[in-house]
Amino acid sequence: MKRNTEKAKPNAKPEPQDKDLLGYTDDYLNEADNVVSAQECTGLIMYPPLSESEAESFTDLYSIPKPENKKPNGLQKEKKEKHDFS
């Protein structure tokens, strides 16, 4: 029969805790139901604006600077490919 020879350290410091997270459980922090959208309020646009009016709508909603140049960069005319998955 082996004996437990390890002794508890009397001066062991407790691990530091993040004071912002005190009172929250892991279950609460891991719940995905609390998130409205993965892209919301990130400043990311899922796809480039397709028209000038759509670009202006984005700048009305978000603090996105309006482009300085008037040259089209070709992104506005991209079309999505149709896929036949049947």
PDB file of N, CA and C in Angstrom:
ATOM      1  N   MET A   1       0.836  -1.179   0.000  1.00  0.00           N
ATOM      2  CA  MET A   1       0.000   0.000   0.000  1.00  0.00           C
ATOM      3  C   MET A   1       0.881   1.244   0.000  1.00  0.00           C
ATOM      4  N   LYS A   2       0.611   2.150  -0.960  1.00  0.00           N
ATOM      5  CA  LYS A   2       1.424   3.357  -1.060  1.00  0.00           C
ATOM      6  C   LYS A   2       0.804   4.474  -0.236  1.00  0.00           C
ATOM      7  N   ARG A   3       1.664   5.249   0.299  1.00  0.00           N
ATOM      8  CA  ARG A   3       1.203   6.405   1.059  1.00  0.00           C
ATOM      9  C   ARG A   3       1.323   7.650   0.191  1.00  0.00           C
ATOM     10  N   ASN A   4       0.429   8.572   0.431  1.00  0.00           N
ATOM     11  CA  ASN A   4       0.493   9.850  -0.274  1.00  0.00           C
ATOM     12  C   ASN A   4       1.559  10.692   0.409  1.00  0.00           C
ATOM     13  N   THR A   5       2.685  10.850  -0.259  1.00  0.00           N
ATOM     14  CA  THR A   5       3.803  11.561   0.346  1.00  0.00           C
ATOM     15  C   THR A   5       3.791  13.049   0.019  1.00  0.00           C
ATOM     16  N   GLU A   6       2.878  13.473  -0.882  1.00  0.00           N
ATOM     17  CA  GLU A   6       2.817  14.896  -1.223  1.00  0.00           C
ATOM     18  C   GLU A   6       2.098  15.650  -0.119  1.00  0.00           C
ATOM     19  N   LYS A   7       2.665  16.756   0.260  1.00  0.00           N
ATOM     20  CA  LYS A   7       2.051  17.591   1.284  1.00  0.00           C
ATOM     21  C   LYS A   7       1.516  18.856   0.620  1.00  0.00           C
ATOM     22  N   ALA A   8       0.450  19.356   1.152  1.00  0.00           N
ATOM     23  CA  ALA A   8      -0.115  20.611   0.636  1.00  0.00           C
ATOM     24  C   ALA A   8       0.839  21.744   0.975  1.00  0.00           C
ATOM     25  N   LYS A   9       1.044  22.606   0.016  1.00  0.00           N
ATOM     26  CA  LYS A   9       1.931  23.744   0.246  1.00  0.00           C
ATOM     27  C   LYS A   9       1.177  24.798   1.053  1.00  0.00           C
ATOM     28  N   PRO A  10       1.711  25.195   2.176  1.00  0.00           N
ATOM     29  CA  PRO A  10       0.980  26.143   3.023  1.00  0.00           C
ATOM     30  C   PRO A  10       0.873  27.545   2.407  1.00  0.00           C
ATOM     31  N   ASN A  11       1.820  27.954   1.605  1.00  0.00           N
ATOM     32  CA  ASN A  11       1.822  29.308   1.054  1.00  0.00           C
ATOM     33  C   ASN A  11       1.426  29.336  -0.419  1.00  0.00           C
ATOM     34  N   ALA A  12       0.693  28.334  -0.871  1.00  0.00           N
ATOM     35  CA  ALA A  12       0.302  28.288  -2.283  1.00  0.00           C
ATOM     36  C   ALA A  12      -0.692  29.411  -2.570  1.00  0.00           C
ATOM     37  N   LYS A  13      -0.397  30.168  -3.618  1.00  0.00           N
ATOM     38  CA  LYS A  13      -1.278  31.277  -3.994  1.00  0.00           C
ATOM     39  C   LYS A  13      -2.396  30.749  -4.889  1.00  0.00           C
ATOM     40  N   PRO A  14      -3.620  31.233  -4.688  1.00  0.00           N
ATOM     41  CA  PRO A  14      -4.698  30.817  -5.593  1.00  0.00           C
ATOM     42  C   PRO A  14      -4.478  31.427  -6.976  1.00  0.00           C
ATOM     43  N   GLU A  15      -4.991  30.743  -7.988  1.00  0.00           N
ATOM     44  CA  GLU A  15      -4.840  31.252  -9.348  1.00  0.00           C
ATOM     45  C   GLU A  15      -5.600  32.567  -9.494  1.00  0.00           C
ATOM     46  N   PRO A  16      -5.020  33.538 -10.200  1.00  0.00           N
ATOM     47  CA  PRO A  16      -5.729  34.816 -10.382  1.00  0.00           C
ATOM     48  C   PRO A  16      -6.983  34.617 -11.229  1.00  0.00           C
ATOM     49  N   GLN A  17      -8.027  35.351 -10.884  1.00  0.00           N
ATOM     50  CA  GLN A  17      -9.277  35.265 -11.622  1.00  0.00           C
ATOM     51  C   GLN A  17      -9.511  36.563 -12.380  1.00  0.00           C
ATOM     52  N   ASP A  18     -10.187  36.450 -13.502  1.00  0.00           N
ATOM     53  CA  ASP A  18     -10.568  37.622 -14.277  1.00  0.00           C
ATOM     54  C   ASP A  18     -11.771  38.256 -13.587  1.00  0.00           C
ATOM     55  N   LYS A  19     -11.603  39.461 -13.071  1.00  0.00           N
ATOM     56  CA  LYS A  19     -12.669  40.094 -12.298  1.00  0.00           C
ATOM     57  C   LYS A  19     -13.886  40.433 -13.154  1.00  0.00           C
ATOM     58  N   ASP A  20     -13.702  40.577 -14.462  1.00  0.00           N
ATOM     59  CA  ASP A  20     -14.832  40.871 -15.341  1.00  0.00           C
ATOM     60  C   ASP A  20     -15.762  39.676 -15.472  1.00  0.00           C
ATOM     61  N   LEU A  21     -15.251  38.472 -15.253  1.00  0.00           N
ATOM     62  CA  LEU A  21     -16.048  37.264 -15.452  1.00  0.00           C
ATOM     63  C   LEU A  21     -16.587  36.677 -14.154  1.00  0.00           C
ATOM     64  N   LEU A  22     -16.336  37.319 -13.032  1.00  0.00           N
ATOM     65  CA  LEU A  22     -16.819  36.788 -11.763  1.00  0.00           C
ATOM     66  C   LEU A  22     -18.342  36.774 -11.759  1.00  0.00           C
ATOM     67  N   GLY A  23     -18.920  35.700 -11.319  1.00  0.00           N
ATOM     68  CA  GLY A  23     -20.368  35.579 -11.255  1.00  0.00           C
ATOM     69  C   GLY A  23     -20.972  34.898 -12.468  1.00  0.00           C
ATOM     70  N   TYR A  24     -20.191  34.705 -13.517  1.00  0.00           N
ATOM     71  CA  TYR A  24     -20.687  34.035 -14.710  1.00  0.00           C
ATOM     72  C   TYR A  24     -20.203  32.592 -14.707  1.00  0.00           C
ATOM     73  N   THR A  25     -21.066  31.704 -15.111  1.00  0.00           N
ATOM     74  CA  THR A  25     -20.677  30.298 -15.210  1.00  0.00           C
ATOM     75  C   THR A  25     -20.207  30.009 -16.625  1.00  0.00           C
ATOM     76  N   ASP A  26     -19.506  28.901 -16.784  1.00  0.00           N
ATOM     77  CA  ASP A  26     -19.050  28.501 -18.115  1.00  0.00           C
ATOM     78  C   ASP A  26     -20.227  28.273 -19.048  1.00  0.00           C
ATOM     79  N   ASP A  27     -21.323  27.745 -18.503  1.00  0.00           N
ATOM     80  CA  ASP A  27     -22.497  27.500 -19.343  1.00  0.00           C
ATOM     81  C   ASP A  27     -23.032  28.807 -19.919  1.00  0.00           C
ATOM     82  N   TYR A  28     -23.070  29.841 -19.104  1.00  0.00           N
ATOM     83  CA  TYR A  28     -23.577  31.130 -19.575  1.00  0.00           C
ATOM     84  C   TYR A  28     -22.671  31.708 -20.655  1.00  0.00           C
ATOM     85  N   LEU A  29     -21.370  31.604 -20.452  1.00  0.00           N
ATOM     86  CA  LEU A  29     -20.427  32.185 -21.407  1.00  0.00           C
ATOM     87  C   LEU A  29     -20.379  31.412 -22.711  1.00  0.00           C
ATOM     88  N   ASN A  30     -20.711  30.135 -22.691  1.00  0.00           N
ATOM     89  CA  ASN A  30     -20.642  29.312 -23.897  1.00  0.00           C
ATOM     90  C   ASN A  30     -21.956  29.235 -24.664  1.00  0.00           C
ATOM     91  N   GLU A  31     -23.006  29.852 -24.155  1.00  0.00           N
ATOM     92  CA  GLU A  31     -24.293  29.794 -24.846  1.00  0.00           C
ATOM     93  C   GLU A  31     -24.241  30.629 -26.117  1.00  0.00           C
ATOM     94  N   ALA A  32     -24.547  30.011 -27.221  1.00  0.00           N
ATOM     95  CA  ALA A  32     -24.580  30.732 -28.495  1.00  0.00           C
ATOM     96  C   ALA A  32     -25.899  31.463 -28.677  1.00  0.00           C
ATOM     97  N   ASP A  33     -26.891  31.160 -27.848  1.00  0.00           N
ATOM     98  CA  ASP A  33     -28.190  31.811 -27.982  1.00  0.00           C
ATOM     99  C   ASP A  33     -28.133  33.292 -27.622  1.00  0.00           C
ATOM    100  N   ASN A  34     -27.107  33.716 -26.920  1.00  0.00           N
ATOM    101  CA  ASN A  34     -26.998  35.114 -26.521  1.00  0.00           C
ATOM    102  C   ASN A  34     -26.470  35.996 -27.641  1.00  0.00           C
ATOM    103  N   VAL A  35     -26.022  35.400 -28.732  1.00  0.00           N
ATOM    104  CA  VAL A  35     -25.456  36.151 -29.848  1.00  0.00           C
ATOM    105  C   VAL A  35     -26.524  36.321 -30.913  1.00  0.00           C
ATOM    106  N   VAL A  36     -26.721  37.560 -31.358  1.00  0.00           N
ATOM    107  CA  VAL A  36     -27.731  37.829 -32.373  1.00  0.00           C
ATOM    108  C   VAL A  36     -27.227  37.411 -33.743  1.00  0.00           C
ATOM    109  N   SER A  37     -25.999  37.792 -34.057  1.00  0.00           N
ATOM    110  CA  SER A  37     -25.454  37.492 -35.375  1.00  0.00           C
ATOM    111  C   SER A  37     -23.940  37.452 -35.278  1.00  0.00           C
ATOM    112  N   ALA A  38     -23.341  36.623 -36.086  1.00  0.00           N
ATOM    113  CA  ALA A  38     -21.881  36.527 -36.086  1.00  0.00           C
ATOM    114  C   ALA A  38     -21.244  37.750 -36.727  1.00  0.00           C
ATOM    115  N   GLN A  39     -21.947  38.423 -37.628  1.00  0.00           N
ATOM    116  CA  GLN A  39     -21.381  39.568 -38.326  1.00  0.00           C
ATOM    117  C   GLN A  39     -21.860  40.901 -37.757  1.00  0.00           C
ATOM    118  N   GLU A  40     -22.808  40.886 -36.868  1.00  0.00           N
ATOM    119  CA  GLU A  40     -23.385  42.130 -36.386  1.00  0.00           C
ATOM    120  C   GLU A  40     -22.358  42.933 -35.592  1.00  0.00           C
ATOM    121  N   CYS A  41     -22.273  44.179 -35.867  1.00  0.00           N
ATOM    122  CA  CYS A  41     -21.425  45.136 -35.154  1.00  0.00           C
ATOM    123  C   CYS A  41     -19.934  44.820 -35.273  1.00  0.00           C
ATOM    124  N   THR A  42     -19.542  44.074 -36.270  1.00  0.00           N
ATOM    125  CA  THR A  42     -18.125  43.794 -36.451  1.00  0.00           C
ATOM    126  C   THR A  42     -17.486  44.777 -37.416  1.00  0.00           C
ATOM    127  N   GLY A  43     -18.314  45.486 -38.174  1.00  0.00           N
ATOM    128  CA  GLY A  43     -17.786  46.391 -39.180  1.00  0.00           C
ATOM    129  C   GLY A  43     -17.483  45.696 -40.483  1.00  0.00           C
ATOM    130  N   LEU A  44     -17.789  44.420 -40.560  1.00  0.00           N
ATOM    131  CA  LEU A  44     -17.526  43.670 -41.780  1.00  0.00           C
ATOM    132  C   LEU A  44     -18.769  43.642 -42.652  1.00  0.00           C
ATOM    133  N   ILE A  45     -18.579  43.792 -43.937  1.00  0.00           N
ATOM    134  CA  ILE A  45     -19.671  43.671 -44.888  1.00  0.00           C
ATOM    135  C   ILE A  45     -19.541  42.292 -45.514  1.00  0.00           C
ATOM    136  N   MET A  46     -20.630  41.558 -45.551  1.00  0.00           N
ATOM    137  CA  MET A  46     -20.563  40.182 -46.040  1.00  0.00           C
ATOM    138  C   MET A  46     -20.215  40.123 -47.519  1.00  0.00           C
ATOM    139  N   TYR A  47     -20.633  41.095 -48.289  1.00  0.00           N
ATOM    140  CA  TYR A  47     -20.312  41.152 -49.715  1.00  0.00           C
ATOM    141  C   TYR A  47     -20.262  42.620 -50.109  1.00  0.00           C
ATOM    142  N   PRO A  48     -19.547  42.963 -51.170  1.00  0.00           N
ATOM    143  CA  PRO A  48     -19.447  44.363 -51.573  1.00  0.00           C
ATOM    144  C   PRO A  48     -20.790  44.883 -52.075  1.00  0.00           C
ATOM    145  N   PRO A  49     -21.043  46.172 -51.891  1.00  0.00           N
ATOM    146  CA  PRO A  49     -22.296  46.750 -52.379  1.00  0.00           C
ATOM    147  C   PRO A  49     -22.416  46.596 -53.894  1.00  0.00           C
ATOM    148  N   LEU A  50     -23.621  46.287 -54.344  1.00  0.00           N
ATOM    149  CA  LEU A  50     -23.857  46.074 -55.768  1.00  0.00           C
ATOM    150  C   LEU A  50     -24.227  47.356 -56.501  1.00  0.00           C
ATOM    151  N   SER A  51     -24.608  48.380 -55.776  1.00  0.00           N
ATOM    152  CA  SER A  51     -24.978  49.640 -56.421  1.00  0.00           C
ATOM    153  C   SER A  51     -24.553  50.806 -55.538  1.00  0.00           C
ATOM    154  N   GLU A  52     -24.613  51.986 -56.103  1.00  0.00           N
ATOM    155  CA  GLU A  52     -24.252  53.191 -55.354  1.00  0.00           C
ATOM    156  C   GLU A  52     -25.227  53.409 -54.195  1.00  0.00           C
ATOM    157  N   SER A  53     -26.503  53.144 -54.428  1.00  0.00           N
ATOM    158  CA  SER A  53     -27.490  53.343 -53.362  1.00  0.00           C
ATOM    159  C   SER A  53     -27.277  52.348 -52.214  1.00  0.00           C
ATOM    160  N   GLU A  54     -26.878  51.135 -52.542  1.00  0.00           N
ATOM    161  CA  GLU A  54     -26.596  50.153 -51.497  1.00  0.00           C
ATOM    162  C   GLU A  54     -25.361  50.562 -50.695  1.00  0.00           C
ATOM    163  N   ALA A  55     -24.367  51.106 -51.372  1.00  0.00           N
ATOM    164  CA  ALA A  55     -23.167  51.581 -50.670  1.00  0.00           C
ATOM    165  C   ALA A  55     -23.517  52.734 -49.736  1.00  0.00           C
ATOM    166  N   GLU A  56     -24.391  53.627 -50.172  1.00  0.00           N
ATOM    167  CA  GLU A  56     -24.811  54.736 -49.318  1.00  0.00           C
ATOM    168  C   GLU A  56     -25.614  54.233 -48.125  1.00  0.00           C
ATOM    169  N   SER A  57     -26.395  53.186 -48.319  1.00  0.00           N
ATOM    170  CA  SER A  57     -27.161  52.615 -47.210  1.00  0.00           C
ATOM    171  C   SER A  57     -26.231  52.064 -46.133  1.00  0.00           C
ATOM    172  N   PHE A  58     -25.156  51.409 -46.550  1.00  0.00           N
ATOM    173  CA  PHE A  58     -24.182  50.908 -45.584  1.00  0.00           C
ATOM    174  C   PHE A  58     -23.550  52.054 -44.810  1.00  0.00           C
ATOM    175  N   THR A  59     -23.223  53.150 -45.501  1.00  0.00           N
ATOM    176  CA  THR A  59     -22.588  54.272 -44.807  1.00  0.00           C
ATOM    177  C   THR A  59     -23.573  54.986 -43.895  1.00  0.00           C
ATOM    178  N   ASP A  60     -24.873  54.875 -44.161  1.00  0.00           N
ATOM    179  CA  ASP A  60     -25.867  55.448 -43.254  1.00  0.00           C
ATOM    180  C   ASP A  60     -25.975  54.631 -41.971  1.00  0.00           C
ATOM    181  N   LEU A  61     -25.854  53.315 -42.093  1.00  0.00           N
ATOM    182  CA  LEU A  61     -26.004  52.436 -40.933  1.00  0.00           C
ATOM    183  C   LEU A  61     -24.724  52.285 -40.125  1.00  0.00           C
ATOM    184  N   TYR A  62     -23.608  52.197 -40.805  1.00  0.00           N
ATOM    185  CA  TYR A  62     -22.326  51.940 -40.156  1.00  0.00           C
ATOM    186  C   TYR A  62     -21.359  53.071 -40.459  1.00  0.00           C
ATOM    187  N   SER A  63     -20.356  53.200 -39.632  1.00  0.00           N
ATOM    188  CA  SER A  63     -19.363  54.258 -39.846  1.00  0.00           C
ATOM    189  C   SER A  63     -18.302  53.785 -40.836  1.00  0.00           C
ATOM    190  N   ILE A  64     -18.735  53.568 -42.059  1.00  0.00           N
ATOM    191  CA  ILE A  64     -17.847  53.152 -43.141  1.00  0.00           C
ATOM    192  C   ILE A  64     -17.602  54.379 -44.005  1.00  0.00           C
ATOM    193  N   PRO A  65     -16.355  54.737 -44.230  1.00  0.00           N
ATOM    194  CA  PRO A  65     -16.110  55.918 -45.068  1.00  0.00           C
ATOM    195  C   PRO A  65     -16.546  55.678 -46.504  1.00  0.00           C
ATOM    196  N   LYS A  66     -17.089  56.720 -47.104  1.00  0.00           N
ATOM    197  CA  LYS A  66     -17.475  56.628 -48.511  1.00  0.00           C
ATOM    198  C   LYS A  66     -16.211  56.622 -49.356  1.00  0.00           C
ATOM    199  N   PRO A  67     -16.184  55.859 -50.432  1.00  0.00           N
ATOM    200  CA  PRO A  67     -14.990  55.828 -51.279  1.00  0.00           C
ATOM    201  C   PRO A  67     -14.753  57.177 -51.939  1.00  0.00           C
ATOM    202  N   GLU A  68     -13.495  57.544 -52.026  1.00  0.00           N
ATOM    203  CA  GLU A  68     -13.115  58.829 -52.614  1.00  0.00           C
ATOM    204  C   GLU A  68     -13.154  58.791 -54.132  1.00  0.00           C
ATOM    205  N   ASN A  69     -12.731  57.683 -54.701  1.00  0.00           N
ATOM    206  CA  ASN A  69     -12.640  57.633 -56.157  1.00  0.00           C
ATOM    207  C   ASN A  69     -13.980  57.223 -56.761  1.00  0.00           C
ATOM    208  N   LYS A  70     -14.207  57.643 -57.970  1.00  0.00           N
ATOM    209  CA  LYS A  70     -15.457  57.322 -58.662  1.00  0.00           C
ATOM    210  C   LYS A  70     -15.276  56.166 -59.635  1.00  0.00           C
ATOM    211  N   LYS A  71     -14.052  55.627 -59.710  1.00  0.00           N
ATOM    212  CA  LYS A  71     -13.799  54.523 -60.629  1.00  0.00           C
ATOM    213  C   LYS A  71     -14.444  53.252 -60.105  1.00  0.00           C
ATOM    214  N   PRO A  72     -15.166  52.547 -60.938  1.00  0.00           N
ATOM    215  CA  PRO A  72     -15.674  51.250 -60.482  1.00  0.00           C
ATOM    216  C   PRO A  72     -14.526  50.245 -60.407  1.00  0.00           C
ATOM    217  N   ASN A  73     -14.530  49.455 -59.371  1.00  0.00           N
ATOM    218  CA  ASN A  73     -13.453  48.476 -59.201  1.00  0.00           C
ATOM    219  C   ASN A  73     -13.840  47.092 -59.695  1.00  0.00           C
ATOM    220  N   GLY A  74     -15.011  46.968 -60.296  1.00  0.00           N
ATOM    221  CA  GLY A  74     -15.425  45.688 -60.836  1.00  0.00           C
ATOM    222  C   GLY A  74     -16.182  44.818 -59.857  1.00  0.00           C
ATOM    223  N   LEU A  75     -16.071  45.116 -58.572  1.00  0.00           N
ATOM    224  CA  LEU A  75     -16.757  44.292 -57.586  1.00  0.00           C
ATOM    225  C   LEU A  75     -18.270  44.492 -57.640  1.00  0.00           C
ATOM    226  N   GLN A  76     -18.696  45.674 -58.067  1.00  0.00           N
ATOM    227  CA  GLN A  76     -20.121  45.948 -58.116  1.00  0.00           C
ATOM    228  C   GLN A  76     -20.821  45.133 -59.196  1.00  0.00           C
ATOM    229  N   LYS A  77     -20.083  44.639 -60.157  1.00  0.00           N
ATOM    230  CA  LYS A  77     -20.696  43.937 -61.275  1.00  0.00           C
ATOM    231  C   LYS A  77     -20.535  42.428 -61.188  1.00  0.00           C
ATOM    232  N   GLU A  78     -19.957  41.946 -60.097  1.00  0.00           N
ATOM    233  CA  GLU A  78     -19.806  40.501 -59.951  1.00  0.00           C
ATOM    234  C   GLU A  78     -21.172  39.865 -59.784  1.00  0.00           C
ATOM    235  N   LYS A  79     -21.356  38.729 -60.403  1.00  0.00           N
ATOM    236  CA  LYS A  79     -22.611  37.995 -60.264  1.00  0.00           C
ATOM    237  C   LYS A  79     -22.311  36.646 -59.628  1.00  0.00           C
ATOM    238  N   LYS A  80     -23.233  36.213 -58.811  1.00  0.00           N
ATOM    239  CA  LYS A  80     -23.066  34.919 -58.161  1.00  0.00           C
ATOM    240  C   LYS A  80     -23.332  33.813 -59.164  1.00  0.00           C
ATOM    241  N   GLU A  81     -22.546  32.769 -59.055  1.00  0.00           N
ATOM    242  CA  GLU A  81     -22.744  31.613 -59.924  1.00  0.00           C
ATOM    243  C   GLU A  81     -23.907  30.785 -59.396  1.00  0.00           C
ATOM    244  N   LYS A  82     -24.706  30.282 -60.304  1.00  0.00           N
ATOM    245  CA  LYS A  82     -25.801  29.409 -59.903  1.00  0.00           C
ATOM    246  C   LYS A  82     -25.290  27.971 -59.915  1.00  0.00           C
ATOM    247  N   HIS A  83     -25.610  27.263 -58.853  1.00  0.00           N
ATOM    248  CA  HIS A  83     -25.186  25.873 -58.723  1.00  0.00           C
ATOM    249  C   HIS A  83     -26.411  24.972 -58.747  1.00  0.00           C
ATOM    250  N   ASP A  84     -26.290  23.864 -59.411  1.00  0.00           N
ATOM    251  CA  ASP A  84     -27.366  22.885 -59.454  1.00  0.00           C
ATOM    252  C   ASP A  84     -26.980  21.729 -58.531  1.00  0.00           C
ATOM    253  N   PHE A  85     -27.572  21.718 -57.335  1.00  0.00           N
ATOM    254  CA  PHE A  85     -27.238  20.701 -56.348  1.00  0.00           C
ATOM    255  C   PHE A  85     -28.213  19.531 -56.352  1.00  0.00           C
ATOM    256  N   SER A  86     -29.133  19.497 -57.305  1.00  0.00           N
ATOM    257  CA  SER A  86     -30.119  18.406 -57.300  1.00  0.00           C
ATOM    258  C   SER A  86     -29.607  17.163 -57.979  1.00  0.00           C
TER     259      SER A  86
END
